[in-house]
Protein backbone atom coordinates (compact mmCIF):
# COMPACT_ATOMS: atom_id res chain seq x y z
CA ILE A 1 9.04 3.90 1.80
CA CYS A 2 6.22 6.39 1.94
CA TYR A 3 5.49 9.21 4.38
CA PHE A 4 2.14 9.98 5.95
CA PRO A 5 0.79 13.42 4.99
CA ASP A 6 1.37 14.82 8.49
CA GLY A 7 5.09 14.01 8.24
CA LYS A 8 5.04 12.28 11.63
CA GLN A 9 4.92 8.70 10.39
CA MET A 10 6.35 6.56 7.61
CA ILE A 11 5.62 3.13 6.12
CA SER A 12 8.46 0.90 4.89
CA GLY A 13 8.33 -2.36 2.97
CA SER A 14 11.15 -4.88 2.92
CA ARG A 15 12.28 -8.12 1.34
CA ASP A 16 12.20 -9.69 4.82
CA LYS A 17 8.42 -9.97 4.27
CA THR A 18 7.52 -7.13 6.63
CA ILE A 19 5.76 -3.81 6.46
CA ARG A 20 6.69 -1.44 9.27
CA ARG A 21 5.08 1.77 10.49
CA TRP A 22 7.51 4.24 12.05
CA ASP A 23 7.12 7.18 14.43
CA LEU A 24 9.55 9.68 12.92
CA ARG A 25 9.65 11.98 15.93
CA LYS A 26 10.69 9.17 18.28
CA GLY A 27 12.62 7.22 15.66
CA LYS A 28 10.86 4.02 16.71
CA GLU A 29 8.84 1.28 15.09
CA MET A 30 5.15 1.57 15.94
CA GLU A 31 3.76 -1.47 14.18
CA LYS A 32 4.94 -4.47 12.15
CA ASP A 33 2.89 -6.61 9.75
CA ARG A 34 4.27 -10.00 8.77
CA GLU A 35 1.25 -11.03 6.70
CA VAL A 36 2.66 -9.61 3.49
CA TYR A 37 4.23 -10.62 0.21
CA GLU A 38 7.46 -12.40 -0.61
CA ASN A 39 8.84 -9.26 -2.21
CA VAL A 40 7.31 -5.92 -1.36
CA GLU A 41 7.69 -3.74 -4.44
CA ALA A 42 5.65 -0.68 -3.53
CA VAL A 43 3.99 1.06 -0.60
CA GLU A 44 1.82 4.14 -0.84
CA VAL A 45 -0.11 6.31 1.64
CA SER A 46 -3.03 8.41 0.41
CA ARG A 47 -2.82 12.20 0.73
CA ASP A 48 -5.61 12.17 3.31
CA GLY A 49 -3.84 9.45 5.35
CA ARG A 50 -6.86 7.14 5.10
CA TRP A 51 -5.31 4.38 2.97
CA VAL A 52 -2.05 2.42 3.10
CA VAL A 53 -1.52 0.28 0.00
CA ILE A 54 1.08 -2.49 -0.40
CA ALA A 55 1.96 -4.37 -3.60
CA GLY A 56 4.38 -7.13 -4.49
CA HIS A 57 5.48 -10.04 -6.67
CA THR A 58 2.81 -12.61 -5.90
CA THR A 59 -0.64 -13.64 -6.96
CA ASN A 60 -1.94 -12.12 -3.72
CA GLY A 61 -2.38 -8.82 -5.53
CA ILE A 62 -2.56 -5.51 -3.72
CA LYS A 63 -3.26 -5.17 -0.01
CA VAL A 64 -5.38 -2.09 0.80
CA ASN A 65 -5.50 -1.06 4.47
CA GLU A 66 -7.99 1.47 5.77
CA VAL A 67 -5.94 3.04 8.58
CA GLU A 68 -8.74 4.24 10.87
CA THR A 69 -10.91 1.10 10.79
CA GLY A 70 -8.20 -1.53 10.32
CA ILE A 71 -10.18 -3.06 7.44
CA VAL A 72 -7.91 -4.82 4.93
CA ARG A 73 -8.98 -5.72 1.40
CA THR A 74 -7.13 -7.39 -1.45
CA PHE A 75 -7.35 -6.21 -5.05
CA GLN A 76 -6.35 -8.89 -7.57
CA GLY A 77 -3.25 -8.40 -9.68
CA ASP A 78 -0.04 -10.29 -10.46
CA TRP A 79 3.54 -9.10 -10.26
CA ILE A 80 2.73 -5.51 -9.38
CA TYR A 81 5.71 -3.17 -9.69
CA CYS A 82 4.23 0.25 -9.08
CA ILE A 83 1.17 1.86 -7.52
CA ASP A 84 -0.15 5.38 -7.11
CA ILE A 85 -3.16 6.88 -5.35
CA SER A 86 -5.05 9.77 -6.95
CA ARG A 87 -4.81 13.25 -5.41
CA ASP A 88 -8.40 13.01 -4.14
CA SER A 89 -7.66 9.58 -2.55
CA THR A 90 -10.45 7.80 -4.44
CA LEU A 91 -8.55 5.83 -7.09
CA LEU A 92 -5.61 3.42 -7.08
CA ALA A 93 -3.57 2.73 -10.23
CA SER A 94 -1.14 -0.17 -10.60
CA GLY A 95 1.39 -1.26 -13.20
CA SER A 96 2.48 -4.88 -13.54
CA PHE A 97 5.13 -7.07 -15.14
CA ASP A 98 2.72 -8.10 -17.92
CA TYR A 99 2.37 -4.43 -19.00
CA LYS A 100 -1.12 -4.08 -17.55
CA VAL A 101 -2.27 -0.86 -15.97
CA GLN A 102 -5.33 -1.19 -13.76
CA VAL A 103 -7.33 1.44 -11.89
CA TRP A 104 -9.54 0.66 -8.88
CA ASN A 105 -12.02 2.65 -6.85
CA LEU A 106 -10.56 2.53 -3.31
CA TYR A 107 -13.98 2.74 -1.67
CA THR A 108 -15.70 -0.04 -3.63
CA GLY A 109 -12.77 -2.15 -4.81
CA GLU A 110 -14.18 -2.15 -8.34
CA LEU A 111 -12.06 -1.77 -11.46
CA VAL A 112 -12.72 1.50 -13.25
């Protein structure tokens, strides 16, 4: 799970192949995405609330959602176990089963 910076919402990932967005004040699900990975390993929300990033155990890589526009991009990577977004919300780092650490620019999708 990961909380939005405003503390009003949360994202959860599950092994039932769903990502859910929750309204914490109402205690209700706001949104569900079934177009995700077999095993969701990590979810992260940027400090500015602009990005929601999802990673898992497939060759589908990392799903990067721009919250305001709804634009979704995929960054390539296999068997991702952990992700983290930089404090300034410009970079995404991932760690994978094959001991690779990769860093992407969230705005361009390019490896750094």
